[in-house]
Amino acid sequence: MKHKLLRSFFVILIVGMMFIVSCEYNKISVPTDTIVDSIATLDCNGAIITPKTIQINTNINGTIAVPYTGGAGISYNGGYSIQNNGLTLTLESGKLTSSTGNILFSLTGTPIVGGVANFPIQFGGKTCTISLSVIAPNIDTPFISALNCGNATIPQNVVANTLFSGTIVVPYTGGNSVAYANGTSIQSTNVTGLTATLQAGTLSSSGNLTYNITGTALASGMANFNLSFAGKICNVGVVVKAAPVVNYTYTNSIKSILDNNCAIPFCHNTTTAAAGFDFSSYTSAKTNFTASSTRILGAIMHSSGFKPMPQGGAKLADTTINKIQSWVNANYPE
């Protein structure tokens, strides 16, 4: 009987010691709401909010750092969260310093309405309220929720060293019914020589942006356009095919084009040489193209900033323009 009592006493003693050790171990990492009086002050008014601008219908993935003083030097668990207006504030795990520091919250979600979103928080026995200003876009400023380059309609007939004119159509969502103007020119990268220009329009709840693509790709490969609209950015890649090997010479192709469209009476011939250009012979045509190919091709293409040619007439067919471009690229074979 005496031995049984002694054995029971040791079992109780061991279990008690294990419980004490377990409690001691968990002192440095306990749920936030059980940490009482572990800080002296909590300053929501001094919170550092990233990003600084929070706009309705715009996805947010940021942080809020809330200053404190008088930390107890203990670790704490995260996971405590508050939700308001489509946003979620979630405490990140960390460790208090023995003086001052910041507790960190992640800020995620998409705010639904404009105004002030309040988040009352509790930490270390202290409470305060974080107030976030959610702004609505200016009613006169174009706004969209998303720009979807992944579903863009992209031209498939772009050929290296060949004059091109076409469009890229990029879907968007979340438009605010505001009119927008023509955009500035965006130059292609990787494969250069092409230019994308946004065409004016009016936004709807969802729709498409249209970019005019013009120019001559200087090589085959992928021509990239970094598009930006209303703060949204995405990339469109246009495949440029290798140019077929075709030998256009002045004699077999170019002379007839110039004779019928340029070196006509009162225009670009030996007698009148309008604007200083004479296309009535191989020598004069080569001389003029060598000195001013960009100007001449811009006029033939009816590109912005150039006087369209033939004067008063319709633009030449793309196949005809491409023959001239190929002749220029081949260094004017006779």
Protein backbone atom coordinates (compact mmCIF):
# COMPACT_ATOMS: atom_id res chain seq x y z
CA MET A 1 0.00 0.00 0.00
CA LYS A 2 2.81 2.33 0.87
CA HIS A 3 4.53 1.64 -2.47
CA LYS A 4 1.31 2.31 -4.41
CA LEU A 5 0.85 5.69 -2.75
CA LEU A 6 4.45 6.60 -3.44
CA ARG A 7 4.09 5.60 -7.10
CA SER A 8 0.92 7.71 -7.48
CA PHE A 9 2.67 10.69 -5.94
CA PHE A 10 5.50 10.49 -8.50
CA VAL A 11 3.03 10.23 -11.41
CA ILE A 12 1.19 13.37 -10.24
CA LEU A 13 4.48 15.15 -9.74
CA ILE A 14 5.71 14.31 -13.26
CA VAL A 15 2.43 15.38 -14.89
CA GLY A 16 2.50 18.64 -12.95
CA MET A 17 6.06 19.36 -14.01
CA MET A 18 5.16 18.69 -17.66
CA PHE A 19 2.25 21.13 -17.38
CA ILE A 20 4.50 23.81 -15.87
CA VAL A 21 7.14 23.32 -18.59
CA SER A 22 4.46 23.54 -21.28
CA CYS A 23 3.12 26.79 -19.85
CA GLU A 24 6.59 28.25 -19.56
CA TYR A 25 7.37 27.33 -23.19
CA ASN A 26 4.19 29.00 -24.49
CA LYS A 27 4.72 32.29 -22.66
CA ILE A 28 6.68 33.71 -25.60
CA SER A 29 4.09 32.85 -28.27
CA VAL A 30 0.48 33.28 -27.23
CA PRO A 31 -2.61 34.48 -29.08
CA THR A 32 -2.81 38.25 -29.32
CA ASP A 33 -6.07 38.61 -27.47
CA THR A 34 -4.58 36.99 -24.34
CA ILE A 35 -1.61 39.39 -24.14
CA VAL A 36 -2.79 41.84 -21.53
CA ASP A 37 -0.89 45.05 -20.79
CA SER A 38 2.04 44.03 -23.01
CA ILE A 39 2.34 47.57 -24.45
CA ALA A 40 1.92 51.03 -22.95
CA THR A 41 0.28 52.85 -25.90
CA LEU A 42 -1.09 52.06 -29.37
CA ASP A 43 -1.16 54.94 -31.90
CA CYS A 44 -3.59 54.37 -34.80
CA ASN A 45 -3.34 58.05 -35.77
CA GLY A 46 0.35 57.56 -36.56
CA ALA A 47 -0.20 54.43 -38.66
CA ILE A 48 1.85 54.11 -41.86
CA ILE A 49 -0.50 52.98 -44.64
CA THR A 50 0.77 51.48 -47.91
CA PRO A 51 -0.43 52.21 -50.57
CA LYS A 52 -1.25 55.82 -49.73
CA THR A 53 -4.13 55.98 -52.23
CA ILE A 54 -6.98 53.49 -51.86
CA GLN A 55 -9.57 53.68 -54.64
CA ILE A 56 -12.90 51.92 -55.04
CA ASN A 57 -13.04 48.88 -57.34
CA THR A 58 -9.24 48.62 -57.25
CA ASN A 59 -7.55 45.56 -55.74
CA ILE A 60 -5.37 46.40 -52.73
CA ASN A 61 -2.43 44.35 -51.46
CA GLY A 62 -0.66 46.50 -48.91
CA THR A 63 0.32 46.93 -45.26
CA ILE A 64 -0.48 49.08 -42.23
CA ALA A 65 2.19 49.61 -39.54
CA VAL A 66 0.76 50.83 -36.21
CA PRO A 67 3.25 52.39 -33.74
CA TYR A 68 3.34 51.36 -30.08
CA THR A 69 5.39 52.27 -27.01
CA GLY A 70 6.43 50.31 -23.94
CA GLY A 71 6.64 46.87 -25.50
CA ALA A 72 7.04 43.88 -23.19
CA GLY A 73 9.62 42.11 -25.37
CA ILE A 74 7.47 39.04 -26.08
CA SER A 75 6.49 37.29 -29.31
CA TYR A 76 2.91 37.18 -30.53
CA ASN A 77 0.88 35.23 -33.08
CA GLY A 78 -0.85 36.74 -36.12
CA GLY A 79 -4.15 35.87 -37.73
CA TYR A 80 -6.40 38.35 -35.90
CA SER A 81 -8.43 40.06 -38.65
CA ILE A 82 -11.14 42.68 -39.22
CA GLN A 83 -13.22 43.27 -42.35
CA ASN A 84 -14.95 46.37 -43.67
CA ASN A 85 -16.03 47.63 -47.13
CA GLY A 86 -14.48 44.69 -48.99
CA LEU A 87 -11.11 45.12 -47.23
CA THR A 88 -9.50 42.79 -44.71
CA LEU A 89 -6.98 43.84 -42.07
CA THR A 90 -4.93 40.87 -40.75
CA LEU A 91 -2.34 40.99 -37.97
CA GLU A 92 1.08 39.56 -38.90
CA SER A 93 3.11 37.59 -36.33
CA GLY A 94 5.99 39.41 -34.68
CA LYS A 95 7.89 40.25 -31.53
CA LEU A 96 7.55 43.33 -29.37
CA THR A 97 10.63 45.39 -28.58
CA SER A 98 11.26 46.61 -25.05
CA SER A 99 10.63 50.23 -26.04
CA THR A 100 8.94 51.41 -29.25
CA GLY A 101 8.07 49.75 -32.55
CA ASN A 102 5.26 48.87 -34.96
CA ILE A 103 2.77 46.04 -35.15
CA LEU A 104 2.15 45.10 -38.78
CA PHE A 105 -1.17 44.36 -40.49
CA SER A 106 -1.64 43.14 -44.06
CA LEU A 107 -4.30 45.03 -46.02
CA THR A 108 -6.04 43.12 -48.81
CA GLY A 109 -9.25 43.17 -50.81
CA THR A 110 -11.21 45.46 -53.13
CA PRO A 111 -13.14 48.38 -51.60
CA ILE A 112 -16.73 48.65 -52.79
CA VAL A 113 -17.76 52.22 -51.95
CA GLY A 114 -16.02 55.51 -51.32
CA GLY A 115 -15.74 57.14 -47.90
CA VAL A 116 -14.03 56.23 -44.63
CA ALA A 117 -13.58 52.58 -43.62
CA ASN A 118 -12.99 52.19 -39.88
CA PHE A 119 -11.12 49.24 -38.35
CA PRO A 120 -11.22 49.08 -34.51
CA ILE A 121 -8.23 47.00 -33.40
CA GLN A 122 -7.23 45.44 -30.07
CA PHE A 123 -3.67 44.63 -29.10
CA GLY A 124 -1.81 44.22 -25.84
CA GLY A 125 -4.73 45.44 -23.78
CA LYS A 126 -5.02 48.63 -25.84
CA THR A 127 -7.57 49.65 -28.46
CA CYS A 128 -7.68 52.26 -31.22
CA THR A 129 -9.30 52.73 -34.63
CA ILE A 130 -7.57 52.78 -38.03
CA SER A 131 -9.48 54.97 -40.49
CA LEU A 132 -8.87 54.44 -44.21
CA SER A 133 -10.02 56.97 -46.81
CA VAL A 134 -11.41 55.19 -49.87
CA ILE A 135 -11.65 57.60 -52.79
CA ALA A 136 -13.80 57.48 -55.88
CA PRO A 137 -12.15 58.40 -59.19
CA ASN A 138 -12.72 61.89 -60.53
CA ILE A 139 -15.91 61.76 -62.60
CA ASP A 140 -14.08 63.51 -65.44
CA THR A 141 -11.08 61.17 -65.36
CA PRO A 142 -11.14 57.85 -67.27
CA PHE A 143 -11.18 54.87 -64.91
CA ILE A 144 -11.20 51.11 -65.48
CA SER A 145 -10.91 48.17 -63.11
CA ALA A 146 -8.80 45.96 -65.39
CA LEU A 147 -7.02 45.94 -68.76
CA ASN A 148 -6.96 42.46 -70.29
CA CYS A 149 -4.04 42.15 -72.73
CA GLY A 150 -4.30 38.36 -72.50
CA ASN A 151 -7.49 38.45 -74.59
CA ALA A 152 -6.38 41.16 -77.01
CA THR A 153 -7.14 40.82 -80.74
CA ILE A 154 -3.73 41.00 -82.41
CA PRO A 155 -2.89 41.31 -86.14
CA GLN A 156 -1.48 38.14 -87.66
CA ASN A 157 -0.11 39.53 -90.93
CA VAL A 158 2.84 41.65 -89.78
CA VAL A 159 5.90 40.97 -91.94
CA ALA A 160 9.46 42.13 -91.31
CA ASN A 161 10.75 45.00 -93.46
CA THR A 162 7.26 45.54 -94.84
CA LEU A 163 5.08 48.57 -94.26
CA PHE A 164 2.18 47.70 -91.93
CA SER A 165 -1.04 49.35 -90.82
CA GLY A 166 -3.52 47.60 -88.52
CA THR A 167 -5.04 47.55 -85.04
CA ILE A 168 -4.73 45.91 -81.64
CA VAL A 169 -8.01 45.64 -79.70
CA VAL A 170 -7.66 45.25 -75.91
CA PRO A 171 -10.68 44.43 -73.67
CA TYR A 172 -11.27 46.27 -70.38
CA THR A 173 -13.78 46.05 -67.52
CA GLY A 174 -15.09 48.51 -64.95
CA GLY A 175 -15.19 51.64 -67.12
CA ASN A 176 -16.75 54.84 -65.76
CA SER A 177 -18.49 56.19 -68.91
CA VAL A 178 -15.92 58.97 -69.43
CA ALA A 179 -14.60 60.05 -72.85
CA TYR A 180 -10.85 59.73 -73.49
CA ALA A 181 -8.57 61.31 -76.09
CA ASN A 182 -6.07 59.83 -78.52
CA GLY A 183 -3.01 58.53 -76.73
CA THR A 184 0.65 59.26 -77.31
CA SER A 185 2.68 56.96 -79.55
CA ILE A 186 4.13 53.81 -77.97
CA GLN A 187 7.20 52.36 -79.68
CA SER A 188 7.60 48.59 -79.99
CA THR A 189 10.45 46.92 -78.12
CA ASN A 190 12.46 43.77 -78.83
CA VAL A 191 11.50 44.06 -82.51
CA THR A 192 11.49 47.79 -83.22
CA GLY A 193 9.98 49.91 -85.97
CA LEU A 194 6.27 49.69 -85.08
CA THR A 195 4.17 52.29 -83.27
CA ALA A 196 0.93 51.82 -81.29
CA THR A 197 -1.43 54.79 -80.80
CA LEU A 198 -4.60 54.68 -78.69
CA GLN A 199 -7.68 55.89 -80.56
CA ALA A 200 -10.14 58.21 -78.80
CA GLY A 201 -13.41 56.81 -77.47
CA THR A 202 -15.83 56.68 -74.54
CA LEU A 203 -15.67 54.09 -71.77
CA SER A 204 -18.57 51.82 -70.87
CA SER A 205 -18.93 49.27 -68.07
CA SER A 206 -16.90 46.91 -70.27
CA GLY A 207 -15.54 47.25 -73.78
CA ASN A 208 -12.40 47.54 -75.87
CA LEU A 209 -9.57 49.99 -76.39
CA THR A 210 -8.33 50.25 -79.97
CA TYR A 211 -4.69 50.95 -80.80
CA ASN A 212 -3.62 51.75 -84.35
CA ILE A 213 -0.39 49.94 -85.29
CA THR A 214 1.75 51.46 -88.03
CA GLY A 215 5.32 51.32 -89.26
CA THR A 216 7.84 48.82 -90.56
CA ALA A 217 9.14 46.08 -88.28
CA LEU A 218 12.91 45.95 -88.68
CA ALA A 219 13.24 42.22 -88.05
CA SER A 220 11.20 39.08 -87.50
CA GLY A 221 10.35 37.98 -83.97
CA MET A 222 8.12 39.40 -81.22
CA ALA A 223 7.29 43.12 -81.17
CA ASN A 224 6.23 44.05 -77.63
CA PHE A 225 4.01 46.97 -76.68
CA ASN A 226 3.81 48.09 -73.03
CA LEU A 227 0.31 49.55 -72.88
CA SER A 228 -0.89 51.84 -70.11
CA PHE A 229 -4.38 53.27 -69.58
CA ALA A 230 -6.01 54.86 -66.52
CA GLY A 231 -3.27 53.50 -64.26
CA LYS A 232 -3.54 49.93 -65.56
CA ILE A 233 -0.55 48.40 -67.38
CA CYS A 234 -0.20 45.28 -69.53
CA ASN A 235 1.90 43.95 -72.39
CA VAL A 236 0.87 42.86 -75.89
CA GLY A 237 3.18 40.85 -78.14
CA VAL A 238 2.79 40.92 -81.92
CA VAL A 239 4.47 38.18 -83.95
CA VAL A 240 6.45 39.58 -86.88
CA LYS A 241 6.98 37.06 -89.65
CA ALA A 242 10.12 36.90 -91.78
CA ALA A 243 9.76 38.69 -95.09
CA PRO A 244 9.56 36.45 -98.16
CA VAL A 245 12.45 36.75 -100.57
CA VAL A 246 11.13 38.81 -103.49
CA ASN A 247 13.28 40.73 -105.95
CA TYR A 248 11.55 43.98 -106.85
CA THR A 249 13.67 46.05 -109.20
CA TYR A 250 13.09 49.48 -110.67
CA THR A 251 12.67 48.00 -114.11
CA ASN A 252 10.31 45.10 -113.34
CA SER A 253 8.11 46.72 -110.69
CA ILE A 254 8.87 50.23 -109.41
CA LYS A 255 9.04 52.21 -112.68
CA SER A 256 5.41 51.47 -113.60
CA ILE A 257 4.21 52.45 -110.11
CA LEU A 258 6.07 55.77 -110.18
CA ASP A 259 5.14 56.52 -113.79
CA ASN A 260 1.42 55.96 -113.17
CA ASN A 261 1.13 57.65 -109.77
CA CYS A 262 4.00 60.12 -109.25
CA ALA A 263 5.81 61.20 -112.43
CA ILE A 264 2.61 62.38 -114.05
CA PRO A 265 2.08 65.84 -115.61
CA PHE A 266 2.43 68.75 -113.17
CA CYS A 267 3.74 66.49 -110.40
CA HIS A 268 7.02 64.70 -109.76
CA ASN A 269 8.60 64.68 -113.19
CA THR A 270 11.62 66.31 -114.81
CA THR A 271 9.65 69.39 -115.90
CA THR A 272 7.84 70.37 -112.72
CA ALA A 273 9.63 68.35 -109.98
CA ALA A 274 6.93 69.22 -107.43
CA ALA A 275 8.33 69.72 -103.89
CA GLY A 276 11.76 69.03 -105.38
CA PHE A 277 11.06 65.39 -106.22
CA ASP A 278 11.61 63.88 -109.67
CA PHE A 279 10.62 60.24 -110.14
CA SER A 280 10.77 60.11 -113.93
CA SER A 281 13.99 58.04 -114.19
CA TYR A 282 15.88 55.42 -112.21
CA THR A 283 18.69 57.85 -111.35
CA SER A 284 16.42 60.63 -110.11
CA ALA A 285 14.11 58.22 -108.24
CA LYS A 286 17.04 56.57 -106.44
CA THR A 287 18.53 59.96 -105.57
CA ASN A 288 15.27 61.24 -104.08
CA PHE A 289 14.48 58.04 -102.16
CA THR A 290 18.03 57.83 -100.79
CA ALA A 291 17.78 61.37 -99.42
CA SER A 292 14.15 61.32 -98.21
CA SER A 293 12.81 57.77 -97.97
CA THR A 294 11.08 58.39 -94.61
CA ARG A 295 9.25 61.44 -95.95
CA ILE A 296 8.28 59.75 -99.21
CA LEU A 297 7.08 56.52 -97.56
CA GLY A 298 5.19 58.49 -94.90
CA ALA A 299 3.37 60.40 -97.63
CA ILE A 300 2.59 57.21 -99.57
CA MET A 301 1.29 55.53 -96.40
CA HIS A 302 -0.87 58.56 -95.53
CA SER A 303 0.82 58.57 -92.11
CA SER A 304 0.05 61.35 -89.63
CA GLY A 305 2.35 64.34 -90.08
CA PHE A 306 2.97 63.75 -93.80
CA LYS A 307 1.17 65.20 -96.82
CA PRO A 308 -0.76 62.26 -98.32
CA MET A 309 0.24 61.13 -101.80
CA PRO A 310 -0.83 60.74 -104.57
CA GLN A 311 -2.15 64.26 -104.04
CA GLY A 312 -5.94 64.33 -104.11
CA GLY A 313 -6.05 60.59 -104.79
CA ALA A 314 -6.70 57.44 -102.83
CA LYS A 315 -3.94 55.73 -100.90
CA LEU A 316 -2.02 53.15 -102.93
CA ALA A 317 -2.80 49.51 -102.24
CA ASP A 318 -0.76 47.99 -99.41
CA THR A 319 0.73 45.46 -101.84
CA THR A 320 1.96 48.32 -104.01
CA ILE A 321 3.41 50.19 -101.03
CA ASN A 322 5.13 47.00 -99.88
CA LYS A 323 6.83 46.66 -103.27
CA ILE A 324 8.26 50.18 -102.90
CA GLN A 325 9.32 49.42 -99.32
CA SER A 326 11.04 46.19 -100.39
CA TRP A 327 12.84 48.05 -103.21
CA VAL A 328 14.09 50.62 -100.70
CA ASN A 329 15.18 47.89 -98.24
CA ALA A 330 17.09 46.13 -101.03
CA ASN A 331 19.05 49.35 -101.72
CA TYR A 332 17.26 50.34 -104.93
CA PRO A 333 18.13 47.57 -107.44
CA GLU A 334 17.79 48.73 -111.03
